Amino acid sequence: MSEKKIPVNVYAENTPNPSAMKFVCDYTLLENDYSLEFDSMEEAMNVSPLATELFKFPFVRSVHIRPNFITVIKNRTVVWDDISLHLREMIREFIKMGIPAISEVKDLPLVKKEKVEIAPETTDETSVKIMQILEEYVRPAVESDGGTIQFKSFKDGVVKVGLGGSCNGCPSTSSTLKGGVERLLTQMLPNEVKEVIADES
């Protein structure tokens, strides 16, 4: 008797980053709005079987996994027209086999919970407002392009955010950060926010 496979659809979406492609699936890869990002097979091994398989393609430079999509960043040796179908089918077949995207390991250091959890007793009022704005207005747009944004800190009028997925190495990231995120926050919080920068740490 053959093993029952999971029915799943996967489709590819272009992103503003020419080196990144977003693969969306109608299957939950990660629970609780978690996010994983790997820059090498060494990082992915023993943590994410899916990312490990993707790194077997020699052109894959980075893998970002969200609850319902995977963003793959490639190197310059290939073009998407030659590889996107292969990647899409590999991801679809992997999910169909019922293999989990991540291993059953608790407290993984590479797992970040992107969804804002507001703790007013430990966070100043302005930081809470910034996180609410990022969650409501910015994050959905960034995720639609295969990326992620995460509040890092607020001090002396400067907001630091962490960027992942297709935002890594994207030529338009700087203009998006300044023309989009910074403009929004300075308009909504004109007396508090003066600048938005990417956290490079």
C-alpha atoms as a PDB file:
ATOM      1  CA  MET A   1       0.000   0.000   0.000  1.00  0.00           C
ATOM      2  CA  SER A   2       1.515   3.321  -1.072  1.00  0.00           C
ATOM      3  CA  GLU A   3       2.107   6.119   1.409  1.00  0.00           C
ATOM      4  CA  LYS A   4      -0.479   8.893   1.224  1.00  0.00           C
ATOM      5  CA  LYS A   5       0.995  12.126  -0.067  1.00  0.00           C
ATOM      6  CA  ILE A   6      -0.040  15.649   0.958  1.00  0.00           C
ATOM      7  CA  PRO A   7      -1.758  17.616  -1.824  1.00  0.00           C
ATOM      8  CA  VAL A   8      -0.009  20.963  -2.157  1.00  0.00           C
ATOM      9  CA  ASN A   9       0.312  23.786  -4.660  1.00  0.00           C
ATOM     10  CA  VAL A  10       3.449  25.899  -4.969  1.00  0.00           C
ATOM     11  CA  TYR A  11       3.859  28.923  -7.199  1.00  0.00           C
ATOM     12  CA  ALA A  12       6.738  31.319  -7.780  1.00  0.00           C
ATOM     13  CA  GLU A  13       6.569  35.098  -7.412  1.00  0.00           C
ATOM     14  CA  ASN A  14       9.139  37.659  -8.479  1.00  0.00           C
ATOM     15  CA  THR A  15      10.415  40.061  -5.824  1.00  0.00           C
ATOM     16  CA  PRO A  16      11.984  43.542  -6.036  1.00  0.00           C
ATOM     17  CA  ASN A  17      15.318  41.820  -5.467  1.00  0.00           C
ATOM     18  CA  PRO A  18      16.458  40.329  -8.803  1.00  0.00           C
ATOM     19  CA  SER A  19      18.453  37.688  -6.912  1.00  0.00           C
ATOM     20  CA  ALA A  20      15.453  36.514  -4.845  1.00  0.00           C
ATOM     21  CA  MET A  21      12.383  34.462  -5.735  1.00  0.00           C
ATOM     22  CA  LYS A  22       9.408  33.840  -3.450  1.00  0.00           C
ATOM     23  CA  PHE A  23       7.815  30.375  -3.520  1.00  0.00           C
ATOM     24  CA  VAL A  24       4.334  30.439  -2.002  1.00  0.00           C
ATOM     25  CA  CYS A  25       2.547  27.269  -0.914  1.00  0.00           C
ATOM     26  CA  ASP A  26      -0.927  26.453   0.413  1.00  0.00           C
ATOM     27  CA  TYR A  27       0.563  24.513   3.313  1.00  0.00           C
ATOM     28  CA  THR A  28       1.786  25.645   6.735  1.00  0.00           C
ATOM     29  CA  LEU A  29       5.561  25.259   6.910  1.00  0.00           C
ATOM     30  CA  LEU A  30       6.081  26.961  10.271  1.00  0.00           C
ATOM     31  CA  GLU A  31       3.698  27.517  13.158  1.00  0.00           C
ATOM     32  CA  ASN A  32       3.159  30.621  15.282  1.00  0.00           C
ATOM     33  CA  ASP A  33       4.466  33.097  12.720  1.00  0.00           C
ATOM     34  CA  TYR A  34       8.078  32.021  13.101  1.00  0.00           C
ATOM     35  CA  SER A  35      10.820  32.801  10.608  1.00  0.00           C
ATOM     36  CA  LEU A  36      14.049  30.998   9.722  1.00  0.00           C
ATOM     37  CA  GLU A  37      16.928  32.263   7.617  1.00  0.00           C
ATOM     38  CA  PHE A  38      19.979  30.278   6.537  1.00  0.00           C
ATOM     39  CA  ASP A  39      23.059  31.440   4.648  1.00  0.00           C
ATOM     40  CA  SER A  40      24.701  28.026   4.223  1.00  0.00           C
ATOM     41  CA  MET A  41      24.014  24.300   4.291  1.00  0.00           C
ATOM     42  CA  GLU A  42      26.025  24.094   7.520  1.00  0.00           C
ATOM     43  CA  GLU A  43      23.523  26.400   9.213  1.00  0.00           C
ATOM     44  CA  ALA A  44      20.570  24.450   7.829  1.00  0.00           C
ATOM     45  CA  MET A  45      21.768  20.925   8.642  1.00  0.00           C
ATOM     46  CA  ASN A  46      20.035  19.329  11.658  1.00  0.00           C
ATOM     47  CA  VAL A  47      17.654  22.296  11.744  1.00  0.00           C
ATOM     48  CA  SER A  48      15.746  22.415   8.461  1.00  0.00           C
ATOM     49  CA  PRO A  49      15.535  19.431   6.101  1.00  0.00           C
ATOM     50  CA  LEU A  50      13.860  21.669   3.495  1.00  0.00           C
ATOM     51  CA  ALA A  51      16.607  24.309   3.523  1.00  0.00           C
ATOM     52  CA  THR A  52      19.253  21.567   3.498  1.00  0.00           C
ATOM     53  CA  GLU A  53      17.746  20.111   0.317  1.00  0.00           C
ATOM     54  CA  LEU A  54      17.606  23.548  -1.322  1.00  0.00           C
ATOM     55  CA  PHE A  55      21.285  24.154  -0.595  1.00  0.00           C
ATOM     56  CA  LYS A  56      22.103  21.060  -2.656  1.00  0.00           C
ATOM     57  CA  PHE A  57      21.498  23.300  -5.665  1.00  0.00           C
ATOM     58  CA  PRO A  58      24.925  24.947  -6.169  1.00  0.00           C
ATOM     59  CA  PHE A  59      23.384  28.292  -7.093  1.00  0.00           C
ATOM     60  CA  VAL A  60      21.398  28.730  -3.850  1.00  0.00           C
ATOM     61  CA  ARG A  61      22.985  31.386  -1.639  1.00  0.00           C
ATOM     62  CA  SER A  62      20.367  31.878   1.068  1.00  0.00           C
ATOM     63  CA  VAL A  63      17.050  30.341   2.178  1.00  0.00           C
ATOM     64  CA  HIS A  64      14.373  32.159   4.162  1.00  0.00           C
ATOM     65  CA  ILE A  65      11.353  30.198   5.450  1.00  0.00           C
ATOM     66  CA  ARG A  66       8.098  31.768   6.636  1.00  0.00           C
ATOM     67  CA  PRO A  67       4.819  30.044   7.579  1.00  0.00           C
ATOM     68  CA  ASN A  68       3.530  29.847   3.997  1.00  0.00           C
ATOM     69  CA  PHE A  69       6.423  30.784   1.726  1.00  0.00           C
ATOM     70  CA  ILE A  70      10.113  30.240   1.057  1.00  0.00           C
ATOM     71  CA  THR A  71      12.367  32.945  -0.335  1.00  0.00           C
ATOM     72  CA  VAL A  72      15.422  31.661  -2.172  1.00  0.00           C
ATOM     73  CA  ILE A  73      18.348  33.948  -2.991  1.00  0.00           C
ATOM     74  CA  LYS A  74      20.575  32.738  -5.828  1.00  0.00           C
ATOM     75  CA  ASN A  75      24.049  33.637  -6.966  1.00  0.00           C
ATOM     76  CA  ARG A  76      24.796  35.279 -10.320  1.00  0.00           C
ATOM     77  CA  THR A  77      25.785  32.149 -12.210  1.00  0.00           C
ATOM     78  CA  VAL A  78      22.211  31.351 -13.294  1.00  0.00           C
ATOM     79  CA  VAL A  79      19.006  33.104 -14.331  1.00  0.00           C
ATOM     80  CA  TRP A  80      15.590  32.451 -12.816  1.00  0.00           C
ATOM     81  CA  ASP A  81      14.080  31.288 -16.121  1.00  0.00           C
ATOM     82  CA  ASP A  82      16.421  28.287 -16.016  1.00  0.00           C
ATOM     83  CA  ILE A  83      15.922  27.263 -12.382  1.00  0.00           C
ATOM     84  CA  SER A  84      12.610  28.498 -10.925  1.00  0.00           C
ATOM     85  CA  LEU A  85      10.611  25.527 -12.238  1.00  0.00           C
ATOM     86  CA  HIS A  86      13.137  23.048 -10.785  1.00  0.00           C
ATOM     87  CA  LEU A  87      13.028  24.765  -7.395  1.00  0.00           C
ATOM     88  CA  ARG A  88       9.234  24.947  -7.386  1.00  0.00           C
ATOM     89  CA  GLU A  89       8.889  21.245  -8.169  1.00  0.00           C
ATOM     90  CA  MET A  90      11.512  20.288  -5.593  1.00  0.00           C
ATOM     91  CA  ILE A  91       9.677  22.248  -2.872  1.00  0.00           C
ATOM     92  CA  ARG A  92       6.320  20.790  -3.913  1.00  0.00           C
ATOM     93  CA  GLU A  93       7.600  17.209  -3.909  1.00  0.00           C
ATOM     94  CA  PHE A  94       9.331  17.743  -0.552  1.00  0.00           C
ATOM     95  CA  ILE A  95       6.097  18.950   1.076  1.00  0.00           C
ATOM     96  CA  LYS A  96       4.041  16.198  -0.587  1.00  0.00           C
ATOM     97  CA  MET A  97       6.221  13.581   1.104  1.00  0.00           C
ATOM     98  CA  GLY A  98       5.170  14.933   4.509  1.00  0.00           C
ATOM     99  CA  ILE A  99       8.678  15.828   5.639  1.00  0.00           C
ATOM    100  CA  PRO A 100       8.619  18.738   8.116  1.00  0.00           C
ATOM    101  CA  ALA A 101      10.302  21.977   7.069  1.00  0.00           C
ATOM    102  CA  ILE A 102      12.157  22.109  10.386  1.00  0.00           C
ATOM    103  CA  SER A 103      13.397  19.413  12.738  1.00  0.00           C
ATOM    104  CA  GLU A 104      11.746  18.792  16.081  1.00  0.00           C
ATOM    105  CA  VAL A 105      14.259  20.843  18.028  1.00  0.00           C
ATOM    106  CA  LYS A 106      13.262  23.301  20.737  1.00  0.00           C
ATOM    107  CA  ASP A 107      14.686  26.784  21.315  1.00  0.00           C
ATOM    108  CA  LEU A 108      16.491  27.019  17.994  1.00  0.00           C
ATOM    109  CA  PRO A 109      18.732  30.101  17.992  1.00  0.00           C
ATOM    110  CA  LEU A 110      18.004  30.670  14.299  1.00  0.00           C
ATOM    111  CA  VAL A 111      14.262  30.890  14.851  1.00  0.00           C
ATOM    112  CA  LYS A 112      12.909  34.398  15.316  1.00  0.00           C
ATOM    113  CA  LYS A 113       9.314  35.198  16.120  1.00  0.00           C
ATOM    114  CA  GLU A 114       8.579  38.098  13.817  1.00  0.00           C
ATOM    115  CA  LYS A 115       5.095  38.888  15.069  1.00  0.00           C
ATOM    116  CA  VAL A 116       5.176  41.788  17.508  1.00  0.00           C
ATOM    117  CA  GLU A 117       4.554  40.855  21.107  1.00  0.00           C
ATOM    118  CA  ILE A 118       4.005  44.109  22.957  1.00  0.00           C
ATOM    119  CA  ALA A 119       5.059  44.252  26.593  1.00  0.00           C
ATOM    120  CA  PRO A 120       4.210  47.771  27.859  1.00  0.00           C
ATOM    121  CA  GLU A 121       5.777  47.085  31.232  1.00  0.00           C
ATOM    122  CA  THR A 122       9.189  46.594  29.650  1.00  0.00           C
ATOM    123  CA  THR A 123       8.919  48.748  26.500  1.00  0.00           C
ATOM    124  CA  ASP A 124       8.655  52.529  26.286  1.00  0.00           C
ATOM    125  CA  GLU A 125       5.482  54.031  24.800  1.00  0.00           C
ATOM    126  CA  THR A 126       7.105  55.207  21.558  1.00  0.00           C
ATOM    127  CA  SER A 127       8.616  51.788  20.864  1.00  0.00           C
ATOM    128  CA  VAL A 128       5.189  50.212  21.340  1.00  0.00           C
ATOM    129  CA  LYS A 129       3.685  52.662  18.826  1.00  0.00           C
ATOM    130  CA  ILE A 130       6.492  51.961  16.334  1.00  0.00           C
ATOM    131  CA  MET A 131       5.977  48.209  16.623  1.00  0.00           C
ATOM    132  CA  GLN A 132       2.228  48.616  16.092  1.00  0.00           C
ATOM    133  CA  ILE A 133       2.799  50.706  12.940  1.00  0.00           C
ATOM    134  CA  LEU A 134       5.344  48.240  11.552  1.00  0.00           C
ATOM    135  CA  GLU A 135       2.986  45.338  12.260  1.00  0.00           C
ATOM    136  CA  GLU A 136      -0.087  46.952  10.704  1.00  0.00           C
ATOM    137  CA  TYR A 137       1.269  48.964   7.773  1.00  0.00           C
ATOM    138  CA  VAL A 138       4.770  47.820   6.862  1.00  0.00           C
ATOM    139  CA  ARG A 139       5.141  44.117   7.484  1.00  0.00           C
ATOM    140  CA  PRO A 140       2.316  42.917   5.168  1.00  0.00           C
ATOM    141  CA  ALA A 141       3.814  44.838   2.238  1.00  0.00           C
ATOM    142  CA  VAL A 142       7.346  43.586   2.939  1.00  0.00           C
ATOM    143  CA  GLU A 143       6.147  39.986   3.238  1.00  0.00           C
ATOM    144  CA  SER A 144       4.245  40.239  -0.034  1.00  0.00           C
ATOM    145  CA  ASP A 145       7.640  40.837  -1.650  1.00  0.00           C
ATOM    146  CA  GLY A 146       9.193  37.812   0.068  1.00  0.00           C
ATOM    147  CA  GLY A 147      10.971  39.724   2.820  1.00  0.00           C
ATOM    148  CA  THR A 148      10.626  40.390   6.529  1.00  0.00           C
ATOM    149  CA  ILE A 149      11.077  43.392   8.797  1.00  0.00           C
ATOM    150  CA  GLN A 150      11.563  43.280  12.555  1.00  0.00           C
ATOM    151  CA  PHE A 151      11.759  46.074  15.114  1.00  0.00           C
ATOM    152  CA  LYS A 152      15.130  46.084  16.857  1.00  0.00           C
ATOM    153  CA  SER A 153      15.433  49.272  18.895  1.00  0.00           C
ATOM    154  CA  PHE A 154      14.527  52.934  19.292  1.00  0.00           C
ATOM    155  CA  LYS A 155      16.892  55.498  20.766  1.00  0.00           C
ATOM    156  CA  ASP A 156      17.408  59.247  20.328  1.00  0.00           C
ATOM    157  CA  GLY A 157      14.908  59.415  17.460  1.00  0.00           C
ATOM    158  CA  VAL A 158      16.546  56.576  15.519  1.00  0.00           C
ATOM    159  CA  VAL A 159      14.617  53.379  14.761  1.00  0.00           C
ATOM    160  CA  LYS A 160      16.640  50.251  13.973  1.00  0.00           C
ATOM    161  CA  VAL A 161      14.983  47.434  12.061  1.00  0.00           C
ATOM    162  CA  GLY A 162      16.165  44.003  11.008  1.00  0.00           C
ATOM    163  CA  LEU A 163      15.596  42.958   7.394  1.00  0.00           C
ATOM    164  CA  GLY A 164      15.496  39.422   6.022  1.00  0.00           C
ATOM    165  CA  GLY A 165      14.430  37.302   3.078  1.00  0.00           C
ATOM    166  CA  SER A 166      14.387  39.113  -0.253  1.00  0.00           C
ATOM    167  CA  CYS A 167      15.406  42.351   1.499  1.00  0.00           C
ATOM    168  CA  ASN A 168      18.939  40.987   1.851  1.00  0.00           C
ATOM    169  CA  GLY A 169      21.061  42.485  -0.865  1.00  0.00           C
ATOM    170  CA  CYS A 170      18.097  44.037  -2.648  1.00  0.00           C
ATOM    171  CA  PRO A 171      19.064  47.166  -4.641  1.00  0.00           C
ATOM    172  CA  SER A 172      15.811  48.896  -3.632  1.00  0.00           C
ATOM    173  CA  THR A 173      16.063  48.182   0.105  1.00  0.00           C
ATOM    174  CA  SER A 174      17.642  51.537   0.931  1.00  0.00           C
ATOM    175  CA  SER A 175      15.012  53.528  -0.978  1.00  0.00           C
ATOM    176  CA  THR A 176      12.225  51.429   0.544  1.00  0.00           C
ATOM    177  CA  LEU A 177      13.609  51.971   4.030  1.00  0.00           C
ATOM    178  CA  LYS A 178      13.991  55.721   3.609  1.00  0.00           C
ATOM    179  CA  GLY A 179      11.184  56.521   1.192  1.00  0.00           C
ATOM    180  CA  GLY A 180       8.703  54.079   2.679  1.00  0.00           C
ATOM    181  CA  VAL A 181       9.287  53.055   6.280  1.00  0.00           C
ATOM    182  CA  GLU A 182      11.056  56.219   7.433  1.00  0.00           C
ATOM    183  CA  ARG A 183       8.540  58.484   5.742  1.00  0.00           C
ATOM    184  CA  LEU A 184       5.619  56.614   7.296  1.00  0.00           C
ATOM    185  CA  LEU A 185       7.045  56.641  10.821  1.00  0.00           C
ATOM    186  CA  THR A 186       8.123  60.298  10.707  1.00  0.00           C
ATOM    187  CA  GLN A 187       4.672  61.278   9.460  1.00  0.00           C
ATOM    188  CA  MET A 188       2.819  59.255  12.080  1.00  0.00           C
ATOM    189  CA  LEU A 189       5.234  60.028  14.934  1.00  0.00           C
ATOM    190  CA  PRO A 190       6.748  63.390  13.893  1.00  0.00           C
ATOM    191  CA  ASN A 191       7.886  64.395  17.387  1.00  0.00           C
ATOM    192  CA  GLU A 192       9.561  61.089  18.154  1.00  0.00           C
ATOM    193  CA  VAL A 193      11.028  59.475  15.024  1.00  0.00           C
ATOM    194  CA  LYS A 194      13.769  61.218  13.047  1.00  0.00           C
ATOM    195  CA  GLU A 195      15.417  58.375  11.127  1.00  0.00           C
ATOM    196  CA  VAL A 196      15.085  54.664  10.274  1.00  0.00           C
ATOM    197  CA  ILE A 197      18.159  52.544   9.670  1.00  0.00           C
ATOM    198  CA  ALA A 198      18.865  48.839   9.073  1.00  0.00           C
ATOM    199  CA  ASP A 199      20.483  46.898  11.890  1.00  0.00           C
ATOM    200  CA  GLU A 200      23.700  45.501  10.419  1.00  0.00           C
ATOM    201  CA  SER A 201      24.589  43.318  13.409  1.00  0.00           C
END
